[in-house]
């Protein structure tokens, strides 16, 4: 009996809600006023005018329990305009959506208020499968959980660095003076090593002359301080002659000419593919040793005093 009474009351409310006054061009419609939590209501405002109509931005219940899911665009029908709103609520209870203001041709008209019934969703616990209570899961560790350890690690590393510094620090030992070999001895040693390579026996004439002249040029550059390694034969001979005359080095013209002969012969072998005979090669080798031993600059009394 109570169920029928409730339906009659809702029907009378609905009829009163959607009714029109004779002078009010605004009508409201709703598909339902009774929902369960999370269900939606379609609320519609219809205006029997097609021009100069301003629909409201809905003013919902004072408790803020009713929400607008979507405000749909205005529909233009044959003789009216319609504006639809989708409403919902996630809290059980009875909520009143107040009257809304609609402006038609600069005049204000009001909709009826709307009572919404929101019921909870019943759960049949007898049919609900029960599960064991699970233990609380621990959240995975992140960097922030260990941030406080960072400064301790840095302090320990600094302390370790200081300890290692004092443990392994050694007083700098004076470097042993490397015994310097006189240029002439170095050059004669290289000549001996050249002989031991047996390049002539391997018919590597070009390599032999390249190393032979390199020994002589390196000696000139180290002992006489004349740039010999990067100079051409003519440039080197002219430089030696100029130094010999200006500095009174005392190098004989015979030695200079022998040096010219060896360097020019080497140039012919390297660049003109000349192939001197074995006797000539041996003569150049002995001549190179003679040059090294007699190309020494003569020390003056001033040099000895220095």
Protein backbone atom coordinates (compact mmCIF):
# COMPACT_ATOMS: atom_id res chain seq x y z
CA UNK A 1 0.00 0.00 0.00
CA UNK A 2 2.75 2.39 0.91
CA UNK A 3 4.45 1.64 -2.43
CA UNK A 4 1.36 2.83 -4.36
CA UNK A 5 1.05 5.95 -2.22
CA UNK A 6 4.69 6.79 -2.91
CA UNK A 7 4.20 6.39 -6.66
CA UNK A 8 1.11 8.63 -6.61
CA UNK A 9 3.02 11.33 -4.67
CA UNK A 10 5.92 11.19 -7.14
CA UNK A 11 3.52 11.34 -10.08
CA UNK A 12 1.73 14.38 -8.64
CA UNK A 13 5.09 16.03 -7.96
CA UNK A 14 6.25 15.28 -11.50
CA UNK A 15 3.05 16.69 -13.01
CA UNK A 16 3.38 19.81 -10.90
CA UNK A 17 7.03 20.08 -11.72
CA UNK A 18 6.64 19.99 -15.50
CA UNK A 19 3.51 22.09 -15.58
CA UNK A 20 3.31 25.43 -17.23
CA UNK A 21 1.89 28.67 -16.08
CA UNK A 22 -0.05 30.38 -18.82
CA UNK A 23 2.42 33.20 -19.09
CA UNK A 24 5.65 31.26 -18.66
CA UNK A 25 7.20 30.13 -21.96
CA UNK A 26 9.72 28.01 -20.06
CA UNK A 27 9.12 24.32 -19.40
CA UNK A 28 11.33 21.77 -17.64
CA UNK A 29 11.47 18.04 -18.16
CA UNK A 30 13.39 15.22 -16.50
CA UNK A 31 13.49 11.53 -17.27
CA UNK A 32 13.55 10.66 -13.57
CA UNK A 33 14.03 12.12 -10.14
CA UNK A 34 15.02 8.88 -8.41
CA UNK A 35 18.46 7.49 -9.04
CA UNK A 36 21.04 5.37 -7.34
CA UNK A 37 24.51 6.63 -6.56
CA UNK A 38 26.42 7.34 -9.78
CA UNK A 39 23.40 7.11 -12.11
CA UNK A 40 22.53 10.02 -14.37
CA UNK A 41 19.52 12.29 -14.85
CA UNK A 42 18.63 14.08 -18.07
CA UNK A 43 17.35 17.54 -17.13
CA UNK A 44 15.89 19.60 -20.01
CA UNK A 45 14.77 23.23 -20.25
CA UNK A 46 12.48 24.07 -23.18
CA UNK A 47 11.63 27.66 -24.23
CA UNK A 48 8.74 28.42 -26.60
CA UNK A 49 10.82 31.13 -28.30
CA UNK A 50 13.59 30.96 -30.85
CA UNK A 51 15.22 34.37 -30.47
CA UNK A 52 16.97 36.25 -27.67
CA UNK A 53 17.03 33.33 -25.23
CA UNK A 54 19.78 32.94 -22.62
CA UNK A 55 19.87 29.60 -20.85
CA UNK A 56 21.23 29.41 -17.32
CA UNK A 57 24.48 28.04 -15.99
CA UNK A 58 22.91 25.66 -13.52
CA UNK A 59 22.90 26.66 -9.86
CA UNK A 60 22.92 23.30 -8.10
CA UNK A 61 22.02 22.26 -4.57
CA UNK A 62 23.53 24.19 -1.70
CA UNK A 63 25.34 21.11 -0.39
CA UNK A 64 27.15 20.56 -3.68
CA UNK A 65 26.09 16.92 -3.85
CA UNK A 66 24.58 17.14 -7.33
CA UNK A 67 27.04 17.52 -10.20
CA UNK A 68 26.73 18.52 -13.85
CA UNK A 69 28.25 15.74 -15.95
CA UNK A 70 27.70 17.51 -19.26
CA UNK A 71 25.99 20.63 -20.59
CA UNK A 72 24.79 19.80 -24.12
CA UNK A 73 24.43 22.36 -26.94
CA UNK A 74 21.11 24.08 -27.49
CA UNK A 75 18.79 22.26 -29.90
CA UNK A 76 16.67 24.34 -32.29
CA UNK A 77 13.32 22.70 -32.93
CA UNK A 78 10.31 23.76 -34.99
CA UNK A 79 8.82 26.22 -32.50
CA UNK A 80 11.15 26.15 -29.51
CA UNK A 81 14.68 25.83 -28.16
CA UNK A 82 15.85 23.06 -25.85
CA UNK A 83 18.85 22.88 -23.57
CA UNK A 84 19.82 19.55 -21.97
CA UNK A 85 21.94 18.92 -18.86
CA UNK A 86 23.21 15.57 -17.61
CA UNK A 87 23.23 15.43 -13.78
CA UNK A 88 24.48 12.87 -11.28
CA UNK A 89 25.29 12.45 -7.59
CA UNK A 90 27.62 10.21 -5.60
CA UNK A 91 26.07 10.78 -2.18
CA UNK A 92 22.81 9.24 -1.05
CA UNK A 93 20.09 11.59 0.14
CA UNK A 94 17.47 14.05 -1.07
CA UNK A 95 18.74 17.19 -2.77
CA UNK A 96 16.88 20.18 -4.19
CA UNK A 97 18.13 21.85 -7.35
CA UNK A 98 16.81 25.40 -7.02
CA UNK A 99 14.88 27.41 -9.58
CA UNK A 100 16.91 28.44 -12.62
CA UNK A 101 16.71 31.82 -14.34
CA UNK A 102 16.06 31.89 -18.09
CA UNK A 103 16.14 35.22 -19.92
CA UNK A 104 13.76 35.53 -22.86
CA UNK A 105 13.68 38.83 -24.72
CA UNK A 106 15.38 40.55 -21.75
CA UNK A 107 12.69 39.22 -19.37
CA UNK A 108 13.48 36.80 -16.58
CA UNK A 109 11.55 33.57 -16.20
CA UNK A 110 12.10 30.85 -13.60
CA UNK A 111 11.98 27.10 -13.79
CA UNK A 112 10.52 25.01 -10.99
CA UNK A 113 12.88 23.58 -8.41
CA UNK A 114 13.82 19.94 -8.72
CA UNK A 115 13.89 17.33 -5.93
CA UNK A 116 16.34 14.52 -6.56
CA UNK A 117 16.27 11.28 -4.59
CA UNK A 118 19.66 9.48 -4.50
CA UNK A 119 19.58 5.98 -3.09
CA UNK A 120 22.46 3.75 -2.10
CA UNK A 121 23.25 0.59 -4.01
CA UNK A 122 22.19 -2.42 -2.00
CA UNK A 123 24.70 -5.23 -1.75
CA UNK A 124 23.56 -8.75 -0.95
CA UNK A 125 26.28 -9.89 1.41
CA UNK A 126 24.92 -13.44 1.41
CA UNK A 127 25.89 -13.82 -2.26
CA UNK A 128 29.07 -11.83 -2.02
CA UNK A 129 32.10 -14.07 -2.07
CA UNK A 130 34.30 -13.54 0.96
CA UNK A 131 38.08 -13.33 0.75
CA UNK A 132 40.76 -13.61 3.38
CA UNK A 133 42.11 -10.38 4.75
CA UNK A 134 45.35 -9.60 3.00
CA UNK A 135 48.35 -8.23 4.80
CA UNK A 136 49.38 -4.64 4.20
CA UNK A 137 51.71 -4.33 1.25
CA UNK A 138 54.82 -2.32 1.70
CA UNK A 139 55.42 0.44 -0.83
CA UNK A 140 58.53 -0.01 -2.99
CA UNK A 141 61.58 1.86 -1.82
CA UNK A 142 62.51 5.05 -3.67
CA UNK A 143 65.57 7.28 -3.72
CA UNK A 144 63.96 9.65 -1.21
CA UNK A 145 63.88 6.84 1.35
CA UNK A 146 67.69 6.75 1.32
CA UNK A 147 68.36 10.46 0.83
CA UNK A 148 69.38 10.90 4.47
CA UNK A 149 72.21 8.38 3.92
CA UNK A 150 73.72 10.44 1.10
CA UNK A 151 75.53 12.91 3.37
CA UNK A 152 76.90 10.09 5.50
CA UNK A 153 78.30 8.39 2.40
CA UNK A 154 79.92 11.62 1.19
CA UNK A 155 81.47 12.22 4.63
CA UNK A 156 82.85 8.67 4.74
CA UNK A 157 84.31 8.99 1.25
CA UNK A 158 86.03 12.26 2.16
CA UNK A 159 87.43 10.70 5.33
CA UNK A 160 88.68 7.70 3.35
CA UNK A 161 90.32 9.99 0.80
CA UNK A 162 92.17 11.89 3.54
CA UNK A 163 93.36 8.65 5.16
CA UNK A 164 94.61 7.27 1.86
CA UNK A 165 96.36 10.53 1.09
CA UNK A 166 98.41 10.40 4.28
CA UNK A 167 99.00 6.65 4.09
CA UNK A 168 100.27 6.59 0.53
CA UNK A 169 101.86 10.01 0.37
CA UNK A 170 105.51 9.73 -0.25
CA UNK A 171 108.08 12.41 -0.25
CA UNK A 172 109.11 13.25 -3.72
CA UNK A 173 112.33 11.52 -4.42
CA UNK A 174 114.82 13.63 -6.31
CA UNK A 175 114.88 12.40 -9.84
CA UNK A 176 118.11 10.78 -10.76
CA UNK A 177 119.89 12.80 -13.29
CA UNK A 178 119.79 11.03 -16.59
CA UNK A 179 123.30 10.60 -17.79
CA UNK A 180 123.49 12.62 -20.97
CA UNK A 181 125.39 11.03 -23.79
CA UNK A 182 127.57 13.38 -25.83
CA UNK A 183 126.15 13.84 -29.33
CA UNK A 184 129.27 12.36 -30.97
CA UNK A 185 129.01 9.16 -28.92
CA UNK A 186 125.28 8.90 -29.70
CA UNK A 187 125.99 9.35 -33.42
CA UNK A 188 128.78 6.72 -33.47
CA UNK A 189 126.53 4.31 -31.54
CA UNK A 190 123.80 4.77 -34.13
CA UNK A 191 126.32 4.09 -36.91
CA UNK A 192 127.22 0.83 -35.20
CA UNK A 193 123.55 -0.12 -34.90
CA UNK A 194 123.07 0.69 -38.60
CA UNK A 195 125.82 -1.73 -39.50
CA UNK A 196 124.18 -4.43 -37.40
CA UNK A 197 120.86 -4.06 -39.26
CA UNK A 198 122.56 -5.37 -42.45
CA UNK A 199 120.35 -3.28 -44.72
CA UNK A 200 122.88 -3.53 -47.56
CA UNK A 201 122.75 -7.33 -47.45
CA UNK A 202 118.95 -7.04 -47.77
CA UNK A 203 119.36 -4.68 -50.75
CA UNK A 204 117.58 -1.86 -48.85
CA UNK A 205 119.82 0.87 -50.24
CA UNK A 206 117.28 3.68 -49.90
CA UNK A 207 116.57 2.87 -46.23
CA UNK A 208 120.31 2.64 -45.57
CA UNK A 209 121.07 6.09 -46.98
CA UNK A 210 118.04 7.63 -45.25
CA UNK A 211 119.22 6.45 -41.82
CA UNK A 212 122.89 7.28 -42.57
CA UNK A 213 122.13 10.90 -43.46
CA UNK A 214 119.65 11.15 -40.56
CA UNK A 215 122.49 10.24 -38.14
CA UNK A 216 124.74 12.94 -39.57
CA UNK A 217 121.98 15.58 -39.65
CA UNK A 218 120.87 14.79 -36.07
CA UNK A 219 124.45 15.20 -34.86
CA UNK A 220 124.81 18.58 -36.63
CA UNK A 221 121.54 19.81 -35.10
CA UNK A 222 122.44 18.70 -31.55
CA UNK A 223 126.13 19.60 -31.39
CA UNK A 224 126.41 22.60 -33.71
CA UNK A 225 122.86 23.92 -33.17
CA UNK A 226 122.15 24.23 -36.88
CA UNK A 227 118.63 23.16 -38.08
CA UNK A 228 119.67 20.20 -40.20
CA UNK A 229 116.83 17.66 -40.09
CA UNK A 230 114.31 19.82 -41.96
CA UNK A 231 116.79 21.59 -44.30
CA UNK A 232 117.54 20.59 -47.87
CA UNK A 233 121.09 19.63 -48.82
CA UNK A 234 121.87 23.01 -50.35
CA UNK A 235 120.31 24.94 -47.45
CA UNK A 236 122.29 22.94 -44.90
CA UNK A 237 125.64 23.29 -46.67
CA UNK A 238 125.12 27.05 -47.14
CA UNK A 239 124.15 27.44 -43.47
CA UNK A 240 127.24 25.55 -42.29
CA UNK A 241 129.48 27.67 -44.52
CA UNK A 242 127.88 30.88 -43.21
CA UNK A 243 128.21 29.75 -39.57
CA UNK A 244 131.75 28.58 -40.18
CA UNK A 245 132.76 31.98 -41.52
CA UNK A 246 130.84 34.16 -39.05
CA UNK A 247 131.53 32.15 -35.92
CA UNK A 248 135.00 30.90 -36.77
CA UNK A 249 133.98 27.32 -36.03
CA UNK A 250 137.09 26.00 -37.76
CA UNK A 251 135.41 23.32 -39.91
CA UNK A 252 137.66 22.50 -42.84
CA UNK A 253 136.38 22.93 -46.38
CA UNK A 254 137.33 19.29 -47.05
CA UNK A 255 134.85 18.09 -44.39
CA UNK A 256 132.16 20.37 -45.78
CA UNK A 257 132.66 19.00 -49.30
CA UNK A 258 132.57 15.42 -48.03
CA UNK A 259 129.31 16.22 -46.26
CA UNK A 260 127.93 17.71 -49.50
CA UNK A 261 128.91 14.56 -51.43
CA UNK A 262 127.20 12.20 -48.96
CA UNK A 263 123.99 14.26 -48.77
CA UNK A 264 123.76 14.63 -52.56
CA UNK A 265 124.41 10.91 -53.08
CA UNK A 266 121.65 10.14 -50.58
CA UNK A 267 119.28 12.52 -52.43
CA UNK A 268 119.98 10.68 -55.69
CA UNK A 269 119.25 7.34 -54.05
CA UNK A 270 116.03 8.54 -52.40
CA UNK A 271 114.59 10.68 -55.18
CA UNK A 272 116.31 9.62 -58.43
CA UNK A 273 116.45 5.89 -57.66
CA UNK A 274 120.21 5.84 -58.05
CA UNK A 275 121.96 2.59 -57.07
CA UNK A 276 125.59 3.11 -56.07
CA UNK A 277 127.91 0.11 -56.04
CA UNK A 278 128.89 -1.62 -52.81
CA UNK A 279 132.37 -0.05 -52.67
CA UNK A 280 130.88 3.41 -53.03
CA UNK A 281 128.33 2.74 -50.26
CA UNK A 282 131.05 1.54 -47.87
CA UNK A 283 133.13 4.59 -48.75
CA UNK A 284 130.21 6.86 -47.87
CA UNK A 285 129.71 5.04 -44.59
CA UNK A 286 133.37 5.52 -43.59
CA UNK A 287 133.29 9.09 -44.83
CA UNK A 288 130.25 9.76 -42.60
CA UNK A 289 132.14 8.53 -39.53
CA UNK A 290 135.12 10.70 -40.51
CA UNK A 291 132.82 13.73 -40.84
CA UNK A 292 131.26 13.11 -37.43
CA UNK A 293 134.64 12.95 -35.77
CA UNK A 294 135.97 16.11 -37.49
CA UNK A 295 132.85 18.27 -37.63
CA UNK A 296 133.20 19.34 -34.01
CA UNK A 297 133.26 23.09 -33.53
CA UNK A 298 136.54 24.38 -32.18
CA UNK A 299 136.17 25.67 -28.62
CA UNK A 300 137.61 29.13 -28.06
CA UNK A 301 139.11 30.36 -24.80
CA UNK A 302 135.89 32.30 -24.17
CA UNK A 303 133.87 29.06 -24.44
CA UNK A 304 136.16 27.34 -21.97
CA UNK A 305 135.80 30.21 -19.50
CA UNK A 306 132.03 29.93 -19.74
